[in-house]
Amino acid sequence: LMRAAAARSLPSLFLKPVQTGVPDSDGAFVARAAGCQHVVGEHAAAAGLSTSGPSPSAASATPPPQRALTLFAWRPAVSPHVAVEREGRGVSDAELRRATVAEIDRFAAALAASPMADGLPDALALVETAGGVASPSPSRSLQCDALPTALPTAKLAEAPRATETPLPALLVGDAALGGISATVCAAELLRSRGHALHEVVLFEPGGGGGLGNAEAIGAALGVRVRSLPAPPPLPEPLDGWWEEVGAHFAELLDGLPRACTPLPAQPRLAAASSSGAG
């Protein structure tokens, strides 16, 4: 999605609130794929992550630019709650939600303040979980409980009174045998916690589709299920895969619900959360 936004020169933010297994970094990987800067918060920097990639002035001619951001990080390549046990530097759910919403709010404010805001029809903010829907957060609560389900519309769109706009959830489902149950359970857990399920994406090895997961999941959940070829294993380059699937991500980007109403000098902000079934 970040690469699809980059192809249109759309301002975009990839936000990774929680990362373990440093020096591995999803934010840095996304930044390389999208050709943007990866920025790290103070907590993530203490784990050894550092800002990398092109500077904002080089990343985009239309401010504010694309960027990826990692807020909290730990070195052990384990679940976040175990990483906290081993390394310390714990983070509460309230702090996690507050920091996540604050960064999206900061991104939206930068859009509104941009001298080129009138020429920016859209923007993207994407929040990615650490693990699946029911994976533990640093505090041991579930990811679906720890991360925000909605954004304060008053902050985003300068509404006359405070309201909340749901964050559309993009669920990366399981295309393997047994994946129907895992994906439906993850989706229903998201919904039970107040998350607005927008779409399910399956990555099928070799194009796949033979197990019928997409059809069964779509019938059970009543949402679109998009089946795409799986990306090649790292460290193989993604260019060939992107040529095959780029149009699908552009369509997915177009279909995201907007989190605020267009106002003078402010583009629409499509803010989504992304989580996995496993």
Protein backbone atom coordinates (compact mmCIF):
# COMPACT_ATOMS: atom_id res chain seq x y z
CA LEU A 1 0.00 0.00 0.00
CA MET A 2 2.85 2.42 0.76
CA ARG A 3 4.38 1.65 -2.64
CA ALA A 4 1.02 2.21 -4.31
CA ALA A 5 0.76 5.57 -2.53
CA ALA A 6 4.32 6.44 -3.58
CA ALA A 7 3.46 5.72 -7.21
CA ARG A 8 0.84 8.50 -6.95
CA SER A 9 3.04 10.82 -4.88
CA LEU A 10 0.48 10.65 -2.07
CA PRO A 11 1.67 11.71 1.38
CA SER A 12 1.62 8.58 3.49
CA LEU A 13 2.59 7.28 6.90
CA PHE A 14 3.41 3.66 7.77
CA LEU A 15 3.22 3.40 11.54
CA LYS A 16 4.61 0.39 13.40
CA PRO A 17 3.78 0.94 17.06
CA VAL A 18 5.50 -2.23 18.31
CA GLN A 19 8.55 -4.03 16.89
CA THR A 20 10.61 -6.88 18.32
CA GLY A 21 13.64 -8.71 16.97
CA VAL A 22 15.80 -5.64 16.36
CA PRO A 23 17.84 -5.15 14.18
CA ASP A 24 15.02 -6.58 12.01
CA SER A 25 12.50 -3.84 11.33
CA ASP A 26 9.23 -3.88 9.40
CA GLY A 27 9.37 -0.10 9.21
CA ALA A 28 12.79 -0.15 7.59
CA PHE A 29 11.66 -2.86 5.14
CA VAL A 30 8.58 -0.87 4.12
CA ALA A 31 10.66 2.29 3.77
CA ARG A 32 13.06 0.55 1.39
CA ALA A 33 10.18 -0.85 -0.67
CA ALA A 34 8.45 2.54 -0.86
CA GLY A 35 11.63 4.58 -1.28
CA CYS A 36 11.00 6.73 1.79
CA GLN A 37 12.60 7.53 5.12
CA HIS A 38 12.33 5.29 8.18
CA VAL A 39 12.12 7.30 11.41
CA VAL A 40 12.37 5.80 14.89
CA GLY A 41 11.01 7.05 18.19
CA GLU A 42 13.12 7.45 21.32
CA HIS A 43 12.04 4.07 22.73
CA ALA A 44 12.83 2.26 19.46
CA ALA A 45 16.19 4.03 19.22
CA ALA A 46 17.13 2.65 22.64
CA ALA A 47 16.77 -0.87 21.17
CA GLY A 48 19.29 -0.05 18.43
CA LEU A 49 17.10 1.11 15.56
CA SER A 50 18.13 4.28 13.78
CA THR A 51 16.63 6.62 11.22
CA SER A 52 17.54 5.59 7.68
CA GLY A 53 16.69 6.28 4.07
CA PRO A 54 16.32 9.49 2.08
CA SER A 55 15.74 12.74 3.92
CA PRO A 56 12.26 14.32 3.62
CA SER A 57 13.52 16.86 1.10
CA ALA A 58 14.80 14.08 -1.14
CA ALA A 59 11.90 11.69 -0.59
CA SER A 60 9.20 13.87 -2.08
CA ALA A 61 8.71 17.18 -3.80
CA THR A 62 5.28 17.53 -2.22
CA PRO A 63 5.39 18.06 1.54
CA PRO A 64 4.69 16.34 3.78
CA PRO A 65 6.53 13.33 2.34
CA GLN A 66 6.12 9.64 2.79
CA ARG A 67 7.71 8.09 5.82
CA ALA A 68 7.72 4.94 7.94
CA LEU A 69 7.83 5.27 11.72
CA THR A 70 8.59 2.76 14.48
CA LEU A 71 7.58 3.87 17.99
CA PHE A 72 8.50 1.12 20.47
CA ALA A 73 11.02 -1.67 19.93
CA TRP A 74 12.94 -4.41 21.74
CA ARG A 75 15.90 -6.58 20.74
CA PRO A 76 14.68 -10.13 21.56
CA ALA A 77 12.94 -11.82 18.60
CA VAL A 78 9.99 -12.95 20.72
CA SER A 79 6.45 -11.85 21.51
CA PRO A 80 6.35 -8.25 22.84
CA HIS A 81 5.32 -9.27 26.38
CA VAL A 82 8.26 -11.69 26.58
CA ALA A 83 10.60 -9.03 25.16
CA VAL A 84 9.55 -6.71 27.99
CA GLU A 85 10.23 -9.45 30.54
CA ARG A 86 13.76 -9.93 29.17
CA GLU A 87 14.71 -6.36 28.34
CA GLY A 88 12.44 -4.13 30.40
CA ARG A 89 11.23 -0.74 29.12
CA GLY A 90 7.57 -1.75 29.31
CA VAL A 91 4.78 0.22 27.61
CA SER A 92 1.18 0.38 28.84
CA ASP A 93 -1.81 0.05 26.53
CA ALA A 94 -2.76 3.66 27.27
CA GLU A 95 0.70 4.87 26.28
CA LEU A 96 0.62 2.74 23.14
CA ARG A 97 -2.77 4.08 22.04
CA ARG A 98 -1.88 7.65 22.94
CA ALA A 99 1.37 7.55 20.94
CA THR A 100 -0.32 5.91 17.94
CA VAL A 101 -3.15 8.44 17.74
CA ALA A 102 -0.72 11.31 18.36
CA GLU A 103 1.39 10.34 15.36
CA ILE A 104 -1.62 10.08 13.05
CA ASP A 105 -2.85 13.40 14.40
CA ARG A 106 0.58 14.94 13.76
CA PHE A 107 0.55 13.58 10.22
CA ALA A 108 -2.93 15.01 9.58
CA ALA A 109 -1.90 18.37 11.03
CA ALA A 110 1.14 18.48 8.75
CA LEU A 111 -1.13 17.80 5.78
CA ALA A 112 -3.43 20.64 6.74
CA ALA A 113 -0.50 23.02 7.26
CA SER A 114 1.20 22.15 3.99
CA PRO A 115 1.32 25.04 1.50
CA MET A 116 0.31 22.50 -1.16
CA ALA A 117 -2.63 21.06 0.82
CA ASP A 118 -5.20 22.26 -1.70
CA GLY A 119 -3.55 20.10 -4.34
CA LEU A 120 -3.49 16.93 -2.23
CA PRO A 121 -6.73 14.99 -2.77
CA ASP A 122 -5.80 12.05 -0.53
CA ALA A 123 -3.31 10.74 1.99
CA LEU A 124 -2.70 7.39 3.67
CA ALA A 125 -1.97 6.46 7.28
CA LEU A 126 -1.38 2.74 7.83
CA VAL A 127 -0.91 1.16 11.27
CA GLU A 128 0.52 -2.38 11.37
CA THR A 129 0.20 -4.69 14.36
CA ALA A 130 3.01 -6.77 15.82
CA GLY A 131 1.82 -10.27 15.00
CA GLY A 132 -1.79 -11.30 14.69
CA VAL A 133 -5.09 -10.02 16.03
CA ALA A 134 -4.76 -12.00 19.29
CA SER A 135 -0.98 -11.70 19.66
CA PRO A 136 0.05 -10.18 23.00
CA SER A 137 0.97 -6.53 23.31
CA PRO A 138 3.87 -5.36 25.51
CA SER A 139 1.45 -5.25 28.46
CA ARG A 140 0.17 -8.81 27.78
CA SER A 141 -3.23 -7.62 26.52
CA LEU A 142 -4.26 -8.62 23.00
CA GLN A 143 -3.25 -6.50 20.01
CA CYS A 144 -6.92 -5.98 19.14
CA ASP A 145 -7.46 -4.51 22.61
CA ALA A 146 -4.26 -2.47 22.84
CA LEU A 147 -4.50 -0.50 19.58
CA PRO A 148 -7.13 2.17 18.83
CA THR A 149 -10.31 1.22 17.00
CA ALA A 150 -11.13 4.79 15.93
CA LEU A 151 -9.69 8.28 15.52
CA PRO A 152 -10.99 11.52 17.03
CA THR A 153 -12.59 13.18 14.02
CA ALA A 154 -12.47 16.59 15.66
CA LYS A 155 -8.67 16.51 15.59
CA LEU A 156 -8.48 15.27 12.02
CA ALA A 157 -11.14 17.40 10.38
CA GLU A 158 -11.62 20.29 12.80
CA ALA A 159 -15.18 19.13 13.42
CA PRO A 160 -17.33 21.38 15.62
CA ARG A 161 -17.68 18.63 18.20
CA ALA A 162 -15.62 15.61 19.10
CA THR A 163 -16.66 12.39 17.39
CA GLU A 164 -14.84 9.22 16.52
CA THR A 165 -14.34 7.70 13.09
CA PRO A 166 -13.60 3.95 12.94
CA LEU A 167 -10.27 2.82 11.59
CA PRO A 168 -10.95 0.41 8.72
CA ALA A 169 -9.15 -2.86 9.44
CA LEU A 170 -7.33 -4.78 6.71
CA LEU A 171 -6.88 -8.38 7.78
CA VAL A 172 -4.12 -10.47 6.21
CA GLY A 173 -5.69 -13.92 6.31
CA ASP A 174 -4.31 -17.43 6.03
CA ALA A 175 -4.35 -19.08 2.61
CA ALA A 176 -3.14 -22.47 3.89
CA LEU A 177 -5.15 -25.54 4.86
CA GLY A 178 -6.90 -24.65 8.12
CA GLY A 179 -6.69 -20.97 7.26
CA ILE A 180 -10.45 -20.54 6.85
CA SER A 181 -11.06 -21.14 10.55
CA ALA A 182 -8.05 -19.06 11.65
CA THR A 183 -9.05 -16.11 9.47
CA VAL A 184 -12.74 -16.14 10.38
CA CYS A 185 -11.89 -16.36 14.09
CA ALA A 186 -9.45 -13.44 13.79
CA ALA A 187 -12.02 -11.37 11.90
CA GLU A 188 -14.79 -12.03 14.41
CA LEU A 189 -12.42 -11.14 17.26
CA LEU A 190 -11.63 -7.84 15.55
CA ARG A 191 -15.32 -7.08 15.19
CA SER A 192 -16.10 -8.03 18.78
CA ARG A 193 -13.52 -5.47 19.92
CA GLY A 194 -15.05 -2.68 17.85
CA HIS A 195 -12.75 -2.75 14.84
CA ALA A 196 -14.42 -2.12 11.47
CA LEU A 197 -13.34 -4.97 9.18
CA HIS A 198 -12.92 -3.56 5.68
CA GLU A 199 -11.31 -6.31 3.65
CA VAL A 200 -9.34 -9.55 3.91
CA VAL A 201 -6.20 -10.18 1.85
CA LEU A 202 -4.79 -13.66 1.23
CA PHE A 203 -1.31 -14.29 -0.17
CA GLU A 204 -1.41 -17.54 -2.10
CA PRO A 205 1.84 -19.46 -2.77
CA GLY A 206 2.26 -19.79 -6.53
CA GLY A 207 -1.01 -17.98 -7.18
CA GLY A 208 -2.86 -20.74 -5.28
CA GLY A 209 -6.60 -20.55 -4.83
CA GLY A 210 -7.10 -24.32 -5.03
CA LEU A 211 -8.18 -24.69 -1.40
CA GLY A 212 -11.15 -22.35 -1.77
CA ASN A 213 -10.20 -20.25 1.25
CA ALA A 214 -11.11 -16.91 -0.33
CA GLU A 215 -14.62 -17.98 -1.26
CA ALA A 216 -15.36 -19.58 2.10
CA ILE A 217 -13.97 -16.65 4.13
CA GLY A 218 -15.89 -14.12 2.04
CA ALA A 219 -19.15 -16.03 2.49
CA ALA A 220 -18.63 -16.31 6.24
CA LEU A 221 -17.68 -12.68 6.85
CA GLY A 222 -19.61 -10.79 4.17
CA VAL A 223 -16.59 -8.74 3.08
CA ARG A 224 -14.38 -8.79 0.03
CA VAL A 225 -11.51 -11.28 0.15
CA ARG A 226 -8.66 -10.42 -2.19
CA SER A 227 -6.45 -13.35 -3.19
CA LEU A 228 -2.95 -12.39 -4.40
CA PRO A 229 0.22 -14.29 -5.26
CA ALA A 230 2.56 -14.53 -2.29
CA PRO A 231 5.70 -12.36 -2.42
CA PRO A 232 9.02 -14.11 -3.02
CA PRO A 233 11.07 -15.12 0.02
CA LEU A 234 13.62 -12.62 1.24
CA PRO A 235 16.17 -11.54 0.18
CA GLU A 236 14.80 -11.91 -3.35
CA PRO A 237 13.82 -8.53 -4.86
CA LEU A 238 10.15 -7.60 -4.94
CA ASP A 239 10.15 -5.77 -8.28
CA GLY A 240 8.81 -8.65 -10.35
CA TRP A 241 6.14 -9.46 -7.78
CA TRP A 242 5.14 -5.82 -7.58
CA GLU A 243 4.61 -5.66 -11.34
CA GLU A 244 2.19 -8.56 -10.94
CA VAL A 245 0.20 -7.24 -7.97
CA GLY A 246 0.64 -3.46 -8.11
CA ALA A 247 -2.74 -2.85 -9.73
CA HIS A 248 -4.47 -4.79 -6.92
CA PHE A 249 -2.87 -2.60 -4.24
CA ALA A 250 -3.82 0.53 -6.18
CA GLU A 251 -7.41 -0.71 -6.20
CA LEU A 252 -7.22 -1.51 -2.49
CA LEU A 253 -5.90 1.98 -1.81
CA ASP A 254 -8.78 3.50 -3.79
CA GLY A 255 -11.32 1.51 -1.80
CA LEU A 256 -10.20 2.51 1.70
CA PRO A 257 -12.85 4.51 3.58
CA ARG A 258 -11.80 8.08 4.31
CA ALA A 259 -11.37 8.98 7.97
CA CYS A 260 -12.33 12.61 7.59
CA THR A 261 -14.47 14.80 5.35
CA PRO A 262 -12.72 17.03 2.79
CA LEU A 263 -12.41 20.58 4.08
CA PRO A 264 -10.77 23.66 2.59
CA ALA A 265 -6.98 23.30 2.70
CA GLN A 266 -7.16 19.71 3.95
CA PRO A 267 -7.08 16.48 1.93
CA ARG A 268 -9.00 13.38 2.86
CA LEU A 269 -7.11 11.01 5.13
CA ALA A 270 -7.48 7.27 4.65
CA ALA A 271 -6.35 5.76 7.93
CA ALA A 272 -6.28 1.98 8.20
CA SER A 273 -5.05 -0.65 10.61
CA SER A 274 -3.44 -3.81 9.28
CA SER A 275 -3.26 -7.05 11.22
CA GLY A 276 -2.71 -10.73 10.62
CA ALA A 277 -4.75 -13.82 11.34
CA GLY A 278 -1.78 -15.77 12.67
